[in-house]
Structures are given as C-alpha cells and as structure tokens.
Protein backbone atom coordinates (compact mmCIF):
# COMPACT_ATOMS: atom_id res chain seq x y z
CA MET A 1 109.55 30.08 94.73
CA THR A 2 111.66 33.17 95.49
CA ILE A 3 111.26 34.94 98.82
CA ILE A 4 109.56 38.01 97.36
CA LEU A 5 107.16 35.85 95.31
CA VAL A 6 106.06 34.15 98.51
CA LEU A 7 105.17 37.52 100.04
CA ILE A 8 103.37 38.65 96.89
CA SER A 9 101.47 35.35 96.80
CA LEU A 10 100.39 35.76 100.43
CA ILE A 11 99.13 39.28 99.70
CA ILE A 12 97.25 37.96 96.65
CA CYS A 13 95.66 35.36 98.95
CA HIS A 14 94.53 38.19 101.21
CA TYR A 15 93.06 40.09 98.27
CA LEU A 16 91.20 37.02 97.01
CA ALA A 17 89.81 36.11 100.43
CA ASP A 18 88.91 39.68 101.45
CA PHE A 19 87.44 40.93 98.19
CA GLN A 20 86.69 38.10 95.74
CA LEU A 21 85.60 35.20 97.96
CA THR A 22 83.61 37.13 100.55
CA THR A 23 79.92 36.27 100.48
CA PRO A 24 77.05 38.69 101.22
CA SER A 25 76.48 37.03 104.62
CA MET A 26 80.16 37.50 105.50
CA ILE A 27 79.98 41.17 104.49
CA ALA A 28 76.85 41.74 106.59
CA ALA A 29 78.35 40.02 109.64
CA LYS A 30 81.67 41.84 109.31
CA ALA A 31 79.81 45.17 109.15
CA LYS A 32 78.45 44.76 112.68
CA GLY A 33 80.73 42.15 114.22
CA SER A 34 78.03 39.49 114.41
CA PRO A 35 76.84 36.84 113.97
CA VAL A 36 80.18 35.13 114.42
CA VAL A 37 79.68 32.11 112.13
CA PRO A 38 80.02 34.08 108.86
CA ILE A 39 83.07 35.88 110.29
CA ILE A 40 84.56 32.52 111.28
CA SER A 41 83.89 31.28 107.73
CA HIS A 42 85.57 34.37 106.32
CA ALA A 43 88.63 33.89 108.54
CA ALA A 44 88.72 30.20 107.57
CA VAL A 45 88.88 31.13 103.87
CA HIS A 46 91.86 33.37 104.66
CA ALA A 47 93.57 30.63 106.67
CA LEU A 48 93.00 28.00 103.98
CA LEU A 49 94.47 30.17 101.23
CA ILE A 50 97.47 31.09 103.41
CA PHE A 51 97.99 27.41 104.28
CA LEU A 52 97.90 26.33 100.62
CA CYS A 53 100.19 29.15 99.55
CA LEU A 54 102.75 28.28 102.22
CA LEU A 55 102.67 24.60 101.27
CA ILE A 56 103.19 25.44 97.59
CA ALA A 57 106.09 27.67 98.62
CA GLY A 58 107.71 24.71 100.34
CA THR A 59 106.96 25.51 103.97
CA ALA A 60 106.66 22.43 106.17
CA TRP A 61 103.14 21.17 106.81
CA GLU A 62 103.40 21.71 110.57
CA LEU A 63 104.62 25.30 110.29
CA SER A 64 102.08 26.04 107.56
CA SER A 65 99.34 24.80 109.89
CA ILE A 66 100.52 26.97 112.78
CA LEU A 67 100.84 30.06 110.58
CA ALA A 68 97.41 29.44 109.02
CA GLY A 69 96.03 29.18 112.56
CA ILE A 70 97.58 32.54 113.40
CA GLU A 71 95.98 34.00 110.26
CA PHE A 72 92.61 32.55 111.25
CA ILE A 73 92.68 33.89 114.81
CA THR A 74 94.01 37.35 113.97
CA HIS A 75 91.72 37.81 110.99
CA PHE A 76 88.70 36.85 113.07
CA ILE A 77 89.68 39.21 115.90
CA ILE A 78 90.46 42.17 113.63
CA ASP A 79 87.24 41.83 111.60
CA SER A 80 85.07 41.24 114.67
CA LEU A 81 86.48 44.27 116.49
CA LYS A 82 86.15 46.46 113.40
CA GLY A 83 82.51 45.38 113.01
CA ARG A 84 81.71 46.00 116.66
CA LEU A 85 83.30 49.45 116.54
CA THR A 86 81.33 50.25 113.40
CA ALA A 87 78.10 49.13 115.08
CA LEU A 88 78.82 51.29 118.16
CA TYR A 89 79.87 54.40 116.25
CA PRO A 90 77.75 55.09 113.14
CA THR A 91 80.32 57.60 111.81
CA LEU A 92 82.67 54.66 111.27
CA ALA A 93 80.06 53.07 108.96
CA ASP A 94 79.63 56.15 106.76
CA MET A 95 81.81 55.82 103.65
CA GLN A 96 81.40 59.55 103.07
CA LYS A 97 83.29 60.38 106.26
CA LYS A 98 87.01 60.23 106.95
CA PRO A 99 86.76 58.00 110.09
CA TYR A 100 85.38 55.18 107.91
CA TRP A 101 88.48 55.26 105.73
CA GLN A 102 90.80 55.61 108.71
CA LEU A 103 89.33 52.47 110.28
CA TYR A 104 89.35 50.66 106.93
CA GLY A 105 93.00 51.59 106.46
CA LEU A 106 93.88 50.41 109.96
CA ASP A 107 92.05 47.13 109.32
CA GLN A 108 93.99 46.49 106.11
CA PHE A 109 97.28 47.61 107.69
CA LEU A 110 96.83 45.10 110.54
CA HIS A 111 95.97 42.28 108.13
CA ILE A 112 99.03 43.02 105.96
CA LEU A 113 101.23 43.29 109.06
CA VAL A 114 100.10 39.80 110.11
CA ILE A 115 100.85 38.52 106.59
CA ILE A 116 104.36 39.99 106.74
CA ILE A 117 104.93 38.32 110.12
CA ILE A 118 103.66 35.01 108.70
CA TRP A 119 105.89 35.41 105.63
CA TYR A 120 108.95 36.22 107.75
CA SER A 121 108.25 33.24 110.00
CA ALA A 122 107.97 30.95 106.98
CA ILE A 123 111.14 32.14 105.22
CA THR A 124 113.31 32.09 108.34
CA SER A 125 112.32 28.60 109.48
C-alpha cells in the first residue's frame, strides 16, 4: 500500500467510526461527556479500525497495537472533554450558533491531527 493510501485509509477509518458506526447511545454520551462506557466503546471502535488498517498496510503488530492504543486514549479524551464542555455551556450545543461549529471543527481537527501523527509514526518505523 502506498504511503498516501495509508493516510487516506486511516481517515476513512475515522469517518466510518465517527459517522457510520456510532450508535445512538454513543451519540448521547458524547453529547454530555457521560456515561463513559459508550464513549469508551466509541473510542474502541476507532482503535480497532486503526489497528486493522495499520496491519493491512504492513505495520508490525506491536507498533499497530501501540498506535491503536494512542488512538483509543486520545479519542476518548477529546470526545469526553468536548461533551463536558457542551454540557457546561449550552451555546456549544446549539447547532444554530457559531461556537457549536467552532468546537466541532476543533474536535475534528484534533482527531485528524492524531491520525496524521499515527500515520507518520507507522510509515517512519
């Protein structure tokens, strides 16, 4: 798999996990930062897809495991913090207001930044 295809595949994994494989209970938990179990499940879906993608791309099992762990931890932290901020500040939960989209954009930027770091770590190993 070429280097750029690995990055594209990792971003597709993010899209699938964040938008196609997210259950209603995950969405509800992410919206307020609790309960943690659905957010953990959501982060685990991300980590599993990243892990499988890296393995298919030829990344060693050990490194794939570490990078999937990084995805799990960072995804959980980012989504939990976003949910808690949204619960504390109702303006951040209103899709009709700019702060909602600013926070949503920051959330997605951070997730993609982590994916780029994971990708770079995998291709330079």
